[in-house]
C-alpha atoms as a PDB file:
ATOM      1  CA  UNK A   1      34.646 107.895 148.779  1.00  0.00           C
ATOM      2  CA  UNK A   2      33.147 107.982 145.254  1.00  0.00           C
ATOM      3  CA  UNK A   3      35.194 111.089 144.449  1.00  0.00           C
ATOM      4  CA  UNK A   4      38.384 109.337 145.578  1.00  0.00           C
ATOM      5  CA  UNK A   5      37.630 106.279 143.410  1.00  0.00           C
ATOM      6  CA  UNK A   6      36.818 108.491 140.394  1.00  0.00           C
ATOM      7  CA  UNK A   7      39.962 110.575 140.926  1.00  0.00           C
ATOM      8  CA  UNK A   8      42.109 107.408 141.199  1.00  0.00           C
ATOM      9  CA  UNK A   9      40.531 105.969 138.051  1.00  0.00           C
ATOM     10  CA  UNK A  10      41.181 109.177 136.085  1.00  0.00           C
ATOM     11  CA  UNK A  11      44.810 109.335 137.266  1.00  0.00           C
ATOM     12  CA  UNK A  12      45.317 105.669 136.339  1.00  0.00           C
ATOM     13  CA  UNK A  13      43.773 106.238 132.895  1.00  0.00           C
ATOM     14  CA  UNK A  14      45.910 109.337 132.326  1.00  0.00           C
ATOM     15  CA  UNK A  15      49.107 107.503 133.296  1.00  0.00           C
ATOM     16  CA  UNK A  16      48.157 104.584 131.013  1.00  0.00           C
ATOM     17  CA  UNK A  17      47.572 106.965 128.082  1.00  0.00           C
ATOM     18  CA  UNK A  18      50.864 108.774 128.694  1.00  0.00           C
ATOM     19  CA  UNK A  19      52.705 105.440 128.846  1.00  0.00           C
ATOM     20  CA  UNK A  20      51.004 104.229 125.644  1.00  0.00           C
ATOM     21  CA  UNK A  21      51.942 107.425 123.782  1.00  0.00           C
ATOM     22  CA  UNK A  22      55.507 107.210 125.125  1.00  0.00           C
ATOM     23  CA  UNK A  23      55.882 103.583 124.060  1.00  0.00           C
ATOM     24  CA  UNK A  24      54.448 104.421 120.621  1.00  0.00           C
ATOM     25  CA  UNK A  25      56.946 107.270 120.264  1.00  0.00           C
ATOM     26  CA  UNK A  26      59.902 105.152 121.378  1.00  0.00           C
ATOM     27  CA  UNK A  27      59.005 102.320 118.987  1.00  0.00           C
ATOM     28  CA  UNK A  28      58.440 104.832 116.168  1.00  0.00           C
ATOM     29  CA  UNK A  29      61.932 106.236 116.621  1.00  0.00           C
ATOM     30  CA  UNK A  30      63.811 103.035 117.366  1.00  0.00           C
ATOM     31  CA  UNK A  31      62.008 100.527 115.145  1.00  0.00           C
ATOM     32  CA  UNK A  32      60.456 102.221 112.098  1.00  0.00           C
ATOM     33  CA  UNK A  33      60.475  98.897 110.202  1.00  0.00           C
ATOM     34  CA  UNK A  34      58.209  97.311 112.809  1.00  0.00           C
ATOM     35  CA  UNK A  35      55.942 100.362 112.711  1.00  0.00           C
ATOM     36  CA  UNK A  36      55.916 100.231 108.907  1.00  0.00           C
ATOM     37  CA  UNK A  37      54.641  96.644 109.009  1.00  0.00           C
ATOM     38  CA  UNK A  38      52.194  97.393 111.822  1.00  0.00           C
ATOM     39  CA  UNK A  39      50.619 100.420 110.140  1.00  0.00           C
ATOM     40  CA  UNK A  40      50.462  98.580 106.787  1.00  0.00           C
ATOM     41  CA  UNK A  41      48.585  95.715 108.454  1.00  0.00           C
ATOM     42  CA  UNK A  42      46.064  98.274 109.744  1.00  0.00           C
ATOM     43  CA  UNK A  43      45.545  99.713 106.244  1.00  0.00           C
ATOM     44  CA  UNK A  44      47.362 102.965 107.056  1.00  0.00           C
ATOM     45  CA  UNK A  45      49.381 102.928 103.829  1.00  0.00           C
ATOM     46  CA  UNK A  46      50.414 106.576 103.880  1.00  0.00           C
ATOM     47  CA  UNK A  47      51.756 106.301 107.441  1.00  0.00           C
ATOM     48  CA  UNK A  48      53.410 102.996 106.522  1.00  0.00           C
ATOM     49  CA  UNK A  49      55.180 104.762 103.640  1.00  0.00           C
ATOM     50  CA  UNK A  50      56.491 107.427 106.005  1.00  0.00           C
ATOM     51  CA  UNK A  51      57.861 104.755 108.333  1.00  0.00           C
ATOM     52  CA  UNK A  52      59.412 102.967 105.352  1.00  0.00           C
ATOM     53  CA  UNK A  53      61.258 106.174 104.458  1.00  0.00           C
ATOM     54  CA  UNK A  54      62.400 106.574 108.087  1.00  0.00           C
ATOM     55  CA  UNK A  55      63.709 103.004 107.991  1.00  0.00           C
ATOM     56  CA  UNK A  56      65.620 103.774 104.782  1.00  0.00           C
ATOM     57  CA  UNK A  57      67.173 106.862 106.383  1.00  0.00           C
ATOM     58  CA  UNK A  58      68.095 104.817 109.467  1.00  0.00           C
ATOM     59  CA  UNK A  59      69.424 101.650 107.809  1.00  0.00           C
ATOM     60  CA  UNK A  60      69.834 102.358 104.097  1.00  0.00           C
ATOM     61  CA  UNK A  61      67.295  99.631 103.241  1.00  0.00           C
ATOM     62  CA  UNK A  62      66.624 100.088  99.495  1.00  0.00           C
ATOM     63  CA  UNK A  63      63.435  98.025  99.561  1.00  0.00           C
ATOM     64  CA  UNK A  64      62.016 100.473 102.110  1.00  0.00           C
ATOM     65  CA  UNK A  65      63.055 103.443  99.972  1.00  0.00           C
ATOM     66  CA  UNK A  66      61.291 102.036  96.898  1.00  0.00           C
ATOM     67  CA  UNK A  67      58.248 101.126  98.978  1.00  0.00           C
ATOM     68  CA  UNK A  68      58.065 104.621 100.468  1.00  0.00           C
ATOM     69  CA  UNK A  69      58.267 106.169  96.988  1.00  0.00           C
ATOM     70  CA  UNK A  70      55.559 103.946  95.536  1.00  0.00           C
ATOM     71  CA  UNK A  71      53.186 104.605  98.423  1.00  0.00           C
ATOM     72  CA  UNK A  72      53.698 108.371  98.164  1.00  0.00           C
ATOM     73  CA  UNK A  73      53.151 108.275  94.387  1.00  0.00           C
ATOM     74  CA  UNK A  74      50.025 106.132  94.678  1.00  0.00           C
ATOM     75  CA  UNK A  75      48.647 108.436  97.411  1.00  0.00           C
ATOM     76  CA  UNK A  76      49.296 111.435  95.140  1.00  0.00           C
ATOM     77  CA  UNK A  77      51.744 112.895  97.653  1.00  0.00           C
ATOM     78  CA  UNK A  78      53.776 114.194  94.728  1.00  0.00           C
ATOM     79  CA  UNK A  79      56.159 116.377  96.736  1.00  0.00           C
ATOM     80  CA  UNK A  80      57.066 113.467  99.014  1.00  0.00           C
ATOM     81  CA  UNK A  81      57.317 111.116  96.037  1.00  0.00           C
ATOM     82  CA  UNK A  82      59.670 113.522  94.255  1.00  0.00           C
ATOM     83  CA  UNK A  83      61.963 113.692  97.298  1.00  0.00           C
ATOM     84  CA  UNK A  84      62.016 109.918  97.630  1.00  0.00           C
ATOM     85  CA  UNK A  85      62.602 109.374  93.917  1.00  0.00           C
ATOM     86  CA  UNK A  86      65.511 111.809  94.169  1.00  0.00           C
ATOM     87  CA  UNK A  87      67.009 109.507  96.809  1.00  0.00           C
ATOM     88  CA  UNK A  88      66.414 106.553  94.474  1.00  0.00           C
ATOM     89  CA  UNK A  89      68.397 108.331  91.764  1.00  0.00           C
ATOM     90  CA  UNK A  90      71.214 109.017  94.221  1.00  0.00           C
ATOM     91  CA  UNK A  91      71.247 105.284  95.040  1.00  0.00           C
ATOM     92  CA  UNK A  92      70.800 104.257  91.393  1.00  0.00           C
ATOM     93  CA  UNK A  93      73.179 101.271  91.412  1.00  0.00           C
ATOM     94  CA  UNK A  94      71.632  99.777  94.536  1.00  0.00           C
ATOM     95  CA  UNK A  95      68.111 100.472  93.296  1.00  0.00           C
ATOM     96  CA  UNK A  96      68.800  98.778  89.947  1.00  0.00           C
ATOM     97  CA  UNK A  97      70.290  95.782  91.779  1.00  0.00           C
ATOM     98  CA  UNK A  98      67.180  95.623  93.948  1.00  0.00           C
ATOM     99  CA  UNK A  99      64.913  95.711  90.891  1.00  0.00           C
ATOM    100  CA  UNK A 100      66.954  92.960  89.237  1.00  0.00           C
ATOM    101  CA  UNK A 101      66.378  90.656  92.218  1.00  0.00           C
ATOM    102  CA  UNK A 102      62.936  91.769  93.375  1.00  0.00           C
ATOM    103  CA  UNK A 103      59.923  89.690  92.519  1.00  0.00           C
ATOM    104  CA  UNK A 104      57.325  91.430  90.406  1.00  0.00           C
ATOM    105  CA  UNK A 105      54.007  91.899  92.229  1.00  0.00           C
ATOM    106  CA  UNK A 106      52.415  89.407  89.798  1.00  0.00           C
ATOM    107  CA  UNK A 107      54.744  86.673  91.085  1.00  0.00           C
ATOM    108  CA  UNK A 108      53.260  86.947  94.565  1.00  0.00           C
ATOM    109  CA  UNK A 109      49.688  87.970  93.670  1.00  0.00           C
ATOM    110  CA  UNK A 110      47.992  86.445  90.623  1.00  0.00           C
ATOM    111  CA  UNK A 111      45.453  89.304  90.529  1.00  0.00           C
ATOM    112  CA  UNK A 112      48.202  91.703  89.385  1.00  0.00           C
ATOM    113  CA  UNK A 113      49.240  91.802  85.691  1.00  0.00           C
ATOM    114  CA  UNK A 114      52.737  90.564  84.881  1.00  0.00           C
ATOM    115  CA  UNK A 115      54.553  93.902  84.855  1.00  0.00           C
ATOM    116  CA  UNK A 116      58.100  94.287  86.101  1.00  0.00           C
ATOM    117  CA  UNK A 117      58.502  96.149  89.387  1.00  0.00           C
ATOM    118  CA  UNK A 118      61.060  98.420  87.738  1.00  0.00           C
ATOM    119  CA  UNK A 119      58.683  99.387  84.925  1.00  0.00           C
ATOM    120  CA  UNK A 120      55.924 100.032  87.445  1.00  0.00           C
ATOM    121  CA  UNK A 121      58.165 102.229  89.617  1.00  0.00           C
ATOM    122  CA  UNK A 122      59.504 104.211  86.650  1.00  0.00           C
ATOM    123  CA  UNK A 123      55.942 104.620  85.386  1.00  0.00           C
ATOM    124  CA  UNK A 124      54.935 106.056  88.758  1.00  0.00           C
ATOM    125  CA  UNK A 125      57.960 108.374  88.577  1.00  0.00           C
ATOM    126  CA  UNK A 126      56.915 109.590  85.115  1.00  0.00           C
ATOM    127  CA  UNK A 127      53.405 110.282  86.430  1.00  0.00           C
ATOM    128  CA  UNK A 128      54.818 112.192  89.420  1.00  0.00           C
ATOM    129  CA  UNK A 129      56.900 114.324  87.050  1.00  0.00           C
ATOM    130  CA  UNK A 130      53.803 114.909  84.930  1.00  0.00           C
ATOM    131  CA  UNK A 131      51.665 115.863  87.942  1.00  0.00           C
ATOM    132  CA  UNK A 132      54.355 118.329  89.049  1.00  0.00           C
ATOM    133  CA  UNK A 133      54.504 119.734  85.480  1.00  0.00           C
ATOM    134  CA  UNK A 134      58.189 118.875  85.098  1.00  0.00           C
ATOM    135  CA  UNK A 135      59.409 119.344  81.531  1.00  0.00           C
ATOM    136  CA  UNK A 136      61.231 116.012  81.351  1.00  0.00           C
ATOM    137  CA  UNK A 137      58.197 113.791  82.065  1.00  0.00           C
ATOM    138  CA  UNK A 138      57.900 112.659  78.423  1.00  0.00           C
ATOM    139  CA  UNK A 139      61.620 112.165  77.795  1.00  0.00           C
ATOM    140  CA  UNK A 140      61.967 110.340  81.106  1.00  0.00           C
ATOM    141  CA  UNK A 141      59.124 107.926  80.322  1.00  0.00           C
ATOM    142  CA  UNK A 142      60.527 107.185  76.859  1.00  0.00           C
ATOM    143  CA  UNK A 143      64.117 106.725  78.060  1.00  0.00           C
ATOM    144  CA  UNK A 144      63.030 104.360  80.850  1.00  0.00           C
ATOM    145  CA  UNK A 145      60.948 102.148  78.539  1.00  0.00           C
ATOM    146  CA  UNK A 146      62.652  99.089  77.019  1.00  0.00           C
ATOM    147  CA  UNK A 147      62.814  98.720  73.247  1.00  0.00           C
ATOM    148  CA  UNK A 148      60.576  95.640  73.403  1.00  0.00           C
ATOM    149  CA  UNK A 149      57.828  97.916  74.792  1.00  0.00           C
ATOM    150  CA  UNK A 150      56.675  95.518  77.531  1.00  0.00           C
ATOM    151  CA  UNK A 151      53.235  95.815  79.067  1.00  0.00           C
ATOM    152  CA  UNK A 152      52.954  98.222  81.995  1.00  0.00           C
ATOM    153  CA  UNK A 153      55.961 100.282  80.890  1.00  0.00           C
ATOM    154  CA  UNK A 154      56.542 103.952  81.821  1.00  0.00           C
ATOM    155  CA  UNK A 155      55.242 105.242  78.474  1.00  0.00           C
ATOM    156  CA  UNK A 156      51.981 103.367  79.041  1.00  0.00           C
ATOM    157  CA  UNK A 157      51.657 104.798  82.565  1.00  0.00           C
ATOM    158  CA  UNK A 158      52.196 108.354  81.315  1.00  0.00           C
ATOM    159  CA  UNK A 159      49.806 107.744  78.410  1.00  0.00           C
ATOM    160  CA  UNK A 160      47.028 106.817  80.843  1.00  0.00           C
ATOM    161  CA  UNK A 161      47.702 109.904  82.973  1.00  0.00           C
ATOM    162  CA  UNK A 162      47.855 112.344  80.042  1.00  0.00           C
ATOM    163  CA  UNK A 163      44.938 110.814  78.136  1.00  0.00           C
ATOM    164  CA  UNK A 164      42.757 110.788  81.273  1.00  0.00           C
ATOM    165  CA  UNK A 165      43.482 114.517  81.643  1.00  0.00           C
ATOM    166  CA  UNK A 166      42.737 115.019  77.896  1.00  0.00           C
ATOM    167  CA  UNK A 167      46.116 116.747  77.700  1.00  0.00           C
ATOM    168  CA  UNK A 168      46.552 117.137  73.928  1.00  0.00           C
ATOM    169  CA  UNK A 169      49.958 118.794  74.178  1.00  0.00           C
ATOM    170  CA  UNK A 170      51.546 116.055  76.299  1.00  0.00           C
ATOM    171  CA  UNK A 171      49.898 113.282  74.277  1.00  0.00           C
ATOM    172  CA  UNK A 172      51.219 114.800  71.027  1.00  0.00           C
ATOM    173  CA  UNK A 173      54.728 115.129  72.487  1.00  0.00           C
ATOM    174  CA  UNK A 174      54.632 111.557  73.797  1.00  0.00           C
ATOM    175  CA  UNK A 175      53.383 110.210  70.461  1.00  0.00           C
ATOM    176  CA  UNK A 176      56.172 111.987  68.571  1.00  0.00           C
ATOM    177  CA  UNK A 177      58.773 110.771  71.055  1.00  0.00           C
ATOM    178  CA  UNK A 178      57.783 107.105  70.897  1.00  0.00           C
ATOM    179  CA  UNK A 179      57.624 107.178  67.099  1.00  0.00           C
ATOM    180  CA  UNK A 180      61.128 108.656  66.998  1.00  0.00           C
ATOM    181  CA  UNK A 181      62.410 105.919  69.341  1.00  0.00           C
ATOM    182  CA  UNK A 182      61.312 103.080  67.037  1.00  0.00           C
ATOM    183  CA  UNK A 183      59.993 100.728  69.688  1.00  0.00           C
ATOM    184  CA  UNK A 184      59.190  97.161  68.657  1.00  0.00           C
ATOM    185  CA  UNK A 185      55.791  97.028  66.990  1.00  0.00           C
ATOM    186  CA  UNK A 186      53.267  94.972  68.928  1.00  0.00           C
ATOM    187  CA  UNK A 187      49.549  94.914  69.624  1.00  0.00           C
ATOM    188  CA  UNK A 188      50.261  96.642  72.955  1.00  0.00           C
ATOM    189  CA  UNK A 189      52.370  99.359  71.284  1.00  0.00           C
ATOM    190  CA  UNK A 190      49.608  99.935  68.711  1.00  0.00           C
ATOM    191  CA  UNK A 191      47.054 100.194  71.517  1.00  0.00           C
ATOM    192  CA  UNK A 192      49.090 102.931  73.233  1.00  0.00           C
ATOM    193  CA  UNK A 193      49.507 104.780  69.910  1.00  0.00           C
ATOM    194  CA  UNK A 194      45.754 104.578  69.307  1.00  0.00           C
ATOM    195  CA  UNK A 195      45.046 106.044  72.756  1.00  0.00           C
ATOM    196  CA  UNK A 196      47.478 108.920  72.129  1.00  0.00           C
ATOM    197  CA  UNK A 197      46.095 109.597  68.657  1.00  0.00           C
ATOM    198  CA  UNK A 198      42.586 109.672  70.081  1.00  0.00           C
ATOM    199  CA  UNK A 199      43.449 112.685  72.253  1.00  0.00           C
ATOM    200  CA  UNK A 200      44.706 114.732  69.296  1.00  0.00           C
END
């Protein structure tokens, strides 16, 4: 009798596990947005980013594309970030429209400095290019930085990455490039120049 009860319990447990895995798989395929939110709420950011990219591929949701790129870049999944940024460049008009309307993180969370979402994303892209040793990392960062040289711009993001690595060559190239661009002089600009000069 005990063997029969144990056998029944194991069969029931096995069927329940198979059903749970099946339901998880079905929801993953049919509702990646829901899975993106669910995994994010559990702190599984990397998995959430993958679901965000699936949702973009399924529905063309630009917010999900940008989110998937940022998560990959922040998790140092540079290959994945490069692929997703490539999609962002293919969808450039839609991405720029999204950035124009999107709230900066500082507007929804007062712990985050007042940087624009676009500047933050382009800064992450410059750092991905740098990590992958792409030759255009410096020129990209400079071209994507506004003349007013706002805080949290792509040049600043690349400066932090290159200076942290004590990369004299990249810091010298970045310093020369920003001087040639004639950005607006400001305390923030001078701070970035000082950091770059300190690595020379």
